[in-house]
Amino acid sequence: MHFETGILVLVFVVLSLVIGALTRDALKNTPIPYSVALLVIGLGFGLLQRSGFLTENIPLLDHTVLMVADINPHLILFLFLPILIFESAFALEVHLFRRIFSQIAILAVPGLMVCTAITAVLVKYAFPWDWSWPLCFMFGALISATDPVAVVALLKELSSRKRLETLIEGESLFNDGTAIVFFMLFFGMVVSPGEASLNPLVVSLDFLRVVLLGTFIGVVFGMVAITWIGRVFNDPMIEITLTIAGSFLAFMVAESVHASGVVAVVVIALLFASIGRTKVSPEVAGFLHHFWEMMAHIANTIIFLLVGTLIAGRVQLDNMEMWVALGILYVSLQLIRAFSVVLFMPFLKRIGIGINRQIATVLVW
């Protein structure tokens, strides 16, 4: 039986939303993170498909999982990344963000570079796959960025430490940008090994160009959207539409000129969170926040189910060598992250809001 691709996409989206609602309801008053539960459910779907159970019993779902396993990774980036990045940056407390920006910058740039370099050395010498140095650094950049979704969600439930939340989420936003920039730089070396080298000066200059150009694009699109919104009064359809269009256009234009789309979206979101607040109509402001929260929730729900399904469909889960490597990598990443935070502790203590051992422990976690 043949199913149209559009129908399969629709089935996956609707199924994801239903599973997300059921999972969120089931996890109330439990310590299990929502995103981890969805990942496990996605793994279950992928394994059911690989076992042949779906092929025999639910062919529509079988075709849907196969379609998901073959999805274009660029589609995932271009569709979901602007939503997640904009919502996180737009929700930041800007006055707190300004106070702790120096700490965020240290953790997100030199901190991530240290983690990337040590992880690359680990992968090169501890694992038996004999990867090239550019591939090791590419993997290091990919795996070293923090993803604090579950941590920040728990912090919001358990404490009112807004400064710590802002520090963790701000670092995540900017080290996402840093990691993707370095990932793409090293990816270029992997696919075209004769055209580039691991020259620190060349990598640094390329990094600066990508980040500064992304910042410029974010400022341009942000100011155009904010100026336009300033001319509109109390029309949520126009004002919210402009935030969507601005974030996606900034991301797409930045990526098309080989700049950082993540940095561009972070910049436009921070502009909306600061000077944009005075331009958005008072009646629309609350609606705007709830709209982006909902968008981010839907994106997270689809992404974690998608990732679980992809892993189950593409990875050899019965390969013990992979599980051993994963265990070594997991423990090593905690130690590398701890080393990075401790290394910069003398600076982090003296700037921004300061830092103590308890905050450093949460940062490592």
Protein backbone atom coordinates (compact mmCIF):
# COMPACT_ATOMS: atom_id res chain seq x y z
CA MET A 1 0.00 0.00 0.00
CA HIS A 2 1.35 3.43 -0.99
CA PHE A 3 0.85 6.59 1.07
CA GLU A 4 1.53 10.17 -0.01
CA THR A 5 4.45 11.85 1.78
CA GLY A 6 2.25 14.78 2.82
CA ILE A 7 -0.22 12.41 4.51
CA LEU A 8 2.64 10.66 6.34
CA VAL A 9 4.00 14.00 7.62
CA LEU A 10 0.52 14.97 8.84
CA VAL A 11 0.11 11.58 10.57
CA PHE A 12 3.46 12.00 12.35
CA VAL A 13 2.72 15.56 13.51
CA VAL A 14 -0.76 14.69 14.82
CA LEU A 15 0.49 11.49 16.45
CA SER A 16 3.35 13.44 18.08
CA LEU A 17 0.95 15.98 19.56
CA VAL A 18 -1.34 13.27 20.94
CA ILE A 19 1.60 11.33 22.42
CA GLY A 20 3.00 14.59 23.81
CA ALA A 21 -0.28 15.45 25.54
CA LEU A 22 -0.62 11.93 27.00
CA THR A 23 3.02 11.91 28.14
CA ARG A 24 2.83 15.35 29.74
CA ASP A 25 -0.33 14.32 31.59
CA ALA A 26 1.19 11.02 32.74
CA LEU A 27 4.41 12.65 33.99
CA LYS A 28 2.72 15.19 36.28
CA ASN A 29 4.15 14.98 39.81
CA THR A 30 7.00 12.72 38.65
CA PRO A 31 10.72 13.64 38.33
CA ILE A 32 10.99 12.15 34.81
CA PRO A 33 11.88 14.85 32.23
CA TYR A 34 9.32 15.23 29.44
CA SER A 35 11.95 15.26 26.67
CA VAL A 36 13.62 12.04 27.91
CA ALA A 37 10.27 10.22 28.03
CA LEU A 38 9.51 11.28 24.45
CA LEU A 39 12.95 10.10 23.31
CA VAL A 40 12.28 6.65 24.81
CA ILE A 41 8.83 6.50 23.14
CA GLY A 42 10.45 7.44 19.82
CA LEU A 43 13.00 4.63 20.31
CA GLY A 44 10.07 2.26 20.91
CA PHE A 45 8.42 3.25 17.62
CA GLY A 46 11.69 2.79 15.74
CA LEU A 47 12.28 -0.64 17.26
CA LEU A 48 8.71 -1.75 16.50
CA GLN A 49 9.27 -0.79 12.88
CA ARG A 50 12.60 -2.63 12.69
CA SER A 51 11.03 -5.76 14.21
CA GLY A 52 8.42 -5.89 11.43
CA PHE A 53 5.48 -5.56 13.83
CA LEU A 54 4.22 -2.31 12.27
CA THR A 55 4.65 -3.64 8.72
CA GLU A 56 2.27 -6.51 9.41
CA ASN A 57 -0.25 -4.76 11.67
CA ILE A 58 -0.25 -0.97 11.09
CA PRO A 59 1.13 -0.22 7.60
CA LEU A 60 0.27 3.51 7.79
CA LEU A 61 2.38 3.89 10.94
CA ASP A 62 5.11 1.72 9.42
CA HIS A 63 5.37 4.02 6.39
CA THR A 64 5.32 7.06 8.69
CA VAL A 65 8.29 5.78 10.74
CA LEU A 66 10.20 4.92 7.55
CA MET A 67 9.56 8.43 6.23
CA VAL A 68 10.80 9.94 9.51
CA ALA A 69 13.98 7.82 9.43
CA ASP A 70 14.75 9.22 5.99
CA ILE A 71 14.00 12.89 6.75
CA ASN A 72 16.31 15.61 5.45
CA PRO A 73 18.44 16.97 8.36
CA HIS A 74 18.40 20.47 6.83
CA LEU A 75 14.60 20.46 7.14
CA ILE A 76 14.92 19.77 10.87
CA LEU A 77 17.39 22.64 11.31
CA PHE A 78 15.51 25.20 9.24
CA LEU A 79 12.07 24.32 10.60
CA PHE A 80 12.70 23.83 14.32
CA LEU A 81 15.87 25.70 15.25
CA PRO A 82 14.54 29.26 14.77
CA ILE A 83 11.50 28.43 16.92
CA LEU A 84 13.50 26.96 19.81
CA ILE A 85 16.24 29.60 19.75
CA PHE A 86 13.84 32.56 19.47
CA GLU A 87 11.60 31.33 22.29
CA SER A 88 14.53 30.75 24.68
CA ALA A 89 16.17 34.12 23.98
CA PHE A 90 12.86 36.02 23.99
CA ALA A 91 12.01 34.58 27.44
CA LEU A 92 15.30 35.75 29.00
CA GLU A 93 15.33 38.52 31.62
CA VAL A 94 17.31 41.08 29.61
CA HIS A 95 18.53 43.18 32.57
CA LEU A 96 19.86 40.00 34.24
CA PHE A 97 21.30 38.82 30.93
CA ARG A 98 23.29 42.08 30.59
CA ARG A 99 24.70 41.67 34.11
CA ILE A 100 25.93 38.12 33.52
CA PHE A 101 26.81 38.35 29.82
CA SER A 102 30.56 38.28 30.61
CA GLN A 103 30.11 34.93 32.41
CA ILE A 104 27.94 33.56 29.60
CA ALA A 105 30.56 34.61 27.01
CA ILE A 106 33.39 32.84 28.90
CA LEU A 107 31.41 29.60 29.28
CA ALA A 108 30.00 29.66 25.74
CA VAL A 109 33.15 30.47 23.75
CA PRO A 110 36.48 29.58 25.45
CA GLY A 111 34.67 27.08 27.71
CA LEU A 112 33.16 25.27 24.75
CA MET A 113 36.45 25.43 22.83
CA VAL A 114 38.24 23.68 25.72
CA CYS A 115 35.54 20.97 25.85
CA THR A 116 35.67 20.53 22.07
CA ALA A 117 39.47 20.17 21.99
CA ILE A 118 39.67 17.68 24.89
CA THR A 119 36.76 15.64 23.49
CA ALA A 120 38.51 15.53 20.09
CA VAL A 121 41.69 14.17 21.74
CA LEU A 122 39.62 11.60 23.67
CA VAL A 123 37.85 10.39 20.52
CA LYS A 124 41.11 10.25 18.59
CA TYR A 125 43.00 8.10 21.09
CA ALA A 126 40.37 6.29 23.23
CA PHE A 127 38.14 4.93 20.46
CA PRO A 128 39.17 2.40 17.79
CA TRP A 129 37.71 4.15 14.75
CA ASP A 130 40.84 6.05 13.62
CA TRP A 131 39.01 9.27 12.73
CA SER A 132 40.87 12.18 11.16
CA TRP A 133 41.56 15.24 13.34
CA PRO A 134 38.94 17.44 11.57
CA LEU A 135 36.33 14.69 12.12
CA CYS A 136 37.31 14.41 15.81
CA PHE A 137 36.99 18.18 16.27
CA MET A 138 33.67 18.18 14.40
CA PHE A 139 32.35 15.51 16.77
CA GLY A 140 33.76 17.42 19.76
CA ALA A 141 31.89 20.58 18.73
CA LEU A 142 28.69 18.60 18.14
CA ILE A 143 28.68 16.85 21.51
CA SER A 144 30.05 19.57 23.83
CA ALA A 145 27.18 22.09 23.69
CA THR A 146 24.86 22.03 26.71
CA ASP A 147 21.14 21.28 26.35
CA PRO A 148 19.49 22.56 29.55
CA VAL A 149 15.81 22.01 28.64
CA ALA A 150 15.17 19.44 31.39
CA VAL A 151 17.47 21.17 33.91
CA VAL A 152 15.87 24.61 33.51
CA ALA A 153 12.38 23.06 33.67
CA LEU A 154 13.29 21.42 37.01
CA LEU A 155 14.84 24.65 38.31
CA LYS A 156 11.64 26.54 37.52
CA GLU A 157 9.63 23.99 39.50
CA LEU A 158 12.01 23.65 42.46
CA SER A 159 13.43 27.14 43.02
CA SER A 160 13.15 30.81 42.20
CA ARG A 161 16.82 31.22 41.27
CA LYS A 162 16.19 33.39 38.22
CA ARG A 163 19.85 34.41 37.99
CA LEU A 164 20.97 30.78 37.77
CA GLU A 165 18.28 29.99 35.18
CA THR A 166 19.40 32.96 33.07
CA LEU A 167 23.06 31.94 33.32
CA ILE A 168 22.33 28.33 32.28
CA GLU A 169 19.91 29.23 29.48
CA GLY A 170 22.04 32.13 28.22
CA GLU A 171 25.10 29.90 28.04
CA SER A 172 23.12 27.25 26.19
CA LEU A 173 21.91 29.75 23.59
CA PHE A 174 25.36 31.10 22.87
CA ASN A 175 27.24 27.82 23.02
CA ASP A 176 24.67 26.42 20.57
CA GLY A 177 25.74 29.21 18.23
CA THR A 178 29.44 28.60 18.93
CA ALA A 179 29.10 24.83 18.53
CA ILE A 180 27.23 25.05 15.22
CA VAL A 181 29.79 27.54 13.84
CA PHE A 182 32.70 25.26 14.76
CA PHE A 183 30.80 22.18 13.60
CA MET A 184 30.30 23.72 10.15
CA LEU A 185 33.95 24.87 9.97
CA PHE A 186 35.26 21.38 10.76
CA PHE A 187 32.59 19.77 8.58
CA GLY A 188 33.98 21.81 5.67
CA MET A 189 37.43 20.36 6.41
CA VAL A 190 36.02 16.81 6.54
CA VAL A 191 34.25 17.02 3.16
CA SER A 192 37.05 19.03 1.47
CA PRO A 193 40.24 17.91 3.23
CA GLY A 194 42.54 19.49 0.65
CA GLU A 195 41.03 22.98 0.89
CA ALA A 196 41.39 23.70 4.62
CA SER A 197 43.69 23.00 7.56
CA LEU A 198 43.46 23.12 11.35
CA ASN A 199 45.28 26.46 11.46
CA PRO A 200 44.10 28.19 14.69
CA LEU A 201 44.35 31.67 13.11
CA VAL A 202 42.27 30.69 10.06
CA VAL A 203 39.66 28.96 12.27
CA SER A 204 39.50 32.00 14.61
CA LEU A 205 39.08 34.50 11.76
CA ASP A 206 36.41 32.35 10.13
CA PHE A 207 34.64 32.05 13.47
CA LEU A 208 34.65 35.85 13.97
CA ARG A 209 33.37 36.45 10.43
CA VAL A 210 30.51 33.98 10.84
CA VAL A 211 29.46 35.34 14.27
CA LEU A 212 29.76 39.06 13.40
CA LEU A 213 27.91 38.64 10.10
CA GLY A 214 25.16 36.70 11.89
CA THR A 215 24.92 39.46 14.52
CA PHE A 216 24.62 42.13 11.81
CA ILE A 217 21.85 40.20 10.01
CA GLY A 218 19.97 39.72 13.29
CA VAL A 219 20.18 43.46 14.06
CA VAL A 220 18.96 44.43 10.58
CA PHE A 221 15.94 42.10 10.56
CA GLY A 222 15.20 42.87 14.21
CA MET A 223 15.14 46.63 13.70
CA VAL A 224 12.98 46.35 10.56
CA ALA A 225 10.43 44.11 12.35
CA ILE A 226 10.40 46.25 15.53
CA THR A 227 9.98 49.48 13.55
CA TRP A 228 7.09 47.95 11.61
CA ILE A 229 5.44 46.67 14.82
CA GLY A 230 5.82 50.17 16.31
CA ARG A 231 3.53 51.49 13.56
CA VAL A 232 0.83 48.90 14.36
CA PHE A 233 -1.47 49.22 17.36
CA ASN A 234 -3.15 46.30 19.08
CA ASP A 235 -3.20 43.90 16.13
CA PRO A 236 -1.87 40.54 17.40
CA MET A 237 -2.10 38.89 13.96
CA ILE A 238 0.34 41.38 12.40
CA GLU A 239 2.64 41.69 15.41
CA ILE A 240 3.03 37.94 15.99
CA THR A 241 3.37 37.29 12.25
CA LEU A 242 6.27 39.75 12.10
CA THR A 243 8.13 37.99 14.93
CA ILE A 244 7.75 34.66 13.09
CA ALA A 245 8.78 36.07 9.72
CA GLY A 246 11.68 38.04 11.23
CA SER A 247 13.19 35.05 13.05
CA PHE A 248 12.88 32.62 10.11
CA LEU A 249 14.12 35.16 7.54
CA ALA A 250 17.10 36.11 9.72
CA PHE A 251 18.02 32.43 10.11
CA MET A 252 17.62 31.59 6.40
CA VAL A 253 19.47 34.69 5.13
CA ALA A 254 22.34 34.16 7.59
CA GLU A 255 22.71 30.50 6.63
CA SER A 256 22.56 31.33 2.90
CA VAL A 257 25.57 33.69 3.20
CA HIS A 258 27.49 31.22 5.44
CA ALA A 259 26.94 33.21 8.63
CA SER A 260 25.51 31.89 11.90
CA GLY A 261 21.74 31.55 11.73
CA VAL A 262 21.61 30.73 15.46
CA VAL A 263 23.42 33.96 16.39
CA ALA A 264 21.13 35.95 14.06
CA VAL A 265 18.00 34.53 15.75
CA VAL A 266 19.43 35.06 19.26
CA VAL A 267 20.14 38.71 18.40
CA ILE A 268 16.69 39.37 16.92
CA ALA A 269 15.02 37.69 19.94
CA LEU A 270 17.08 39.76 22.41
CA LEU A 271 16.13 42.92 20.51
CA PHE A 272 12.46 41.97 20.86
CA ALA A 273 12.98 41.16 24.56
CA SER A 274 14.55 44.60 25.20
CA ILE A 275 13.60 47.56 22.99
CA GLY A 276 10.87 45.52 21.27
CA ARG A 277 8.87 45.27 24.51
CA THR A 278 8.01 48.97 24.29
CA LYS A 279 6.85 48.61 20.67
CA VAL A 280 4.58 45.57 21.07
CA SER A 281 1.04 46.59 22.05
CA PRO A 282 0.33 45.94 25.79
CA GLU A 283 -2.68 43.76 24.97
CA VAL A 284 -0.56 41.63 22.63
CA ALA A 285 2.54 41.13 24.86
CA GLY A 286 1.12 38.27 26.98
CA PHE A 287 -0.39 36.57 23.94
CA LEU A 288 2.98 36.81 22.15
CA HIS A 289 4.80 35.02 24.99
CA HIS A 290 2.18 32.27 25.22
CA PHE A 291 2.25 31.81 21.44
CA TRP A 292 6.04 31.26 21.37
CA GLU A 293 5.87 28.96 24.41
CA MET A 294 3.31 26.85 22.54
CA MET A 295 5.44 26.83 19.38
CA ALA A 296 8.50 25.73 21.37
CA HIS A 297 6.50 23.00 23.14
CA ILE A 298 5.24 21.60 19.81
CA ALA A 299 8.75 21.77 18.30
CA ASN A 300 10.32 20.00 21.31
CA THR A 301 7.62 17.32 21.25
CA ILE A 302 8.15 16.55 17.56
CA ILE A 303 11.96 16.77 17.75
CA PHE A 304 12.45 14.32 20.64
CA LEU A 305 10.08 11.75 19.13
CA LEU A 306 11.84 12.28 15.79
CA VAL A 307 15.30 11.80 17.31
CA GLY A 308 14.27 8.61 19.14
CA THR A 309 12.79 7.17 15.95
CA LEU A 310 15.90 8.15 13.95
CA ILE A 311 18.26 6.52 16.46
CA ALA A 312 16.28 3.27 16.54
CA GLY A 313 16.07 3.24 12.73
CA ARG A 314 19.72 4.00 11.97
CA VAL A 315 21.90 2.82 14.88
CA GLN A 316 23.01 -0.78 15.50
CA LEU A 317 21.57 -1.11 19.00
CA ASP A 318 22.90 -4.68 19.37
CA ASN A 319 26.52 -3.55 18.86
CA MET A 320 28.23 -3.86 22.28
CA GLU A 321 31.26 -1.88 21.11
CA MET A 322 28.95 1.11 20.55
CA TRP A 323 27.45 0.79 24.06
CA VAL A 324 30.92 0.63 25.65
CA ALA A 325 32.00 3.70 23.65
CA LEU A 326 28.81 5.49 24.70
CA GLY A 327 29.45 4.73 28.38
CA ILE A 328 33.05 5.98 28.16
CA LEU A 329 31.92 9.07 26.28
CA TYR A 330 29.15 9.88 28.79
CA VAL A 331 31.43 9.72 31.84
CA SER A 332 34.21 11.55 29.99
CA LEU A 333 31.89 14.39 28.95
CA GLN A 334 30.93 15.02 32.59
CA LEU A 335 34.60 15.15 33.61
CA ILE A 336 35.56 17.36 30.65
CA ARG A 337 32.70 19.76 31.40
CA ALA A 338 33.73 19.85 35.09
CA PHE A 339 37.35 20.59 34.09
CA SER A 340 36.20 23.42 31.79
CA VAL A 341 34.07 25.06 34.52
CA VAL A 342 36.82 24.69 37.17
CA LEU A 343 39.42 26.07 34.74
CA PHE A 344 37.48 29.32 34.34
CA MET A 345 36.26 29.54 37.96
CA PRO A 346 38.81 32.25 38.93
CA PHE A 347 37.33 34.53 36.22
CA LEU A 348 33.70 33.52 36.79
CA LYS A 349 33.95 34.34 40.52
CA ARG A 350 35.00 37.93 39.89
CA ILE A 351 32.58 38.99 37.15
CA GLY A 352 28.83 39.14 36.59
CA ILE A 353 26.89 37.74 39.55
CA GLY A 354 29.82 35.67 40.79
CA ILE A 355 29.81 31.92 41.16
CA ASN A 356 30.25 29.40 43.99
CA ARG A 357 30.73 25.64 44.20
CA GLN A 358 26.98 24.92 44.25
CA ILE A 359 26.33 26.98 41.09
CA ALA A 360 29.36 25.38 39.41
CA THR A 361 27.95 21.92 40.21
CA VAL A 362 24.62 22.81 38.57
CA LEU A 363 26.48 24.23 35.54
CA VAL A 364 28.36 20.95 35.14
CA TRP A 365 25.13 18.96 35.49
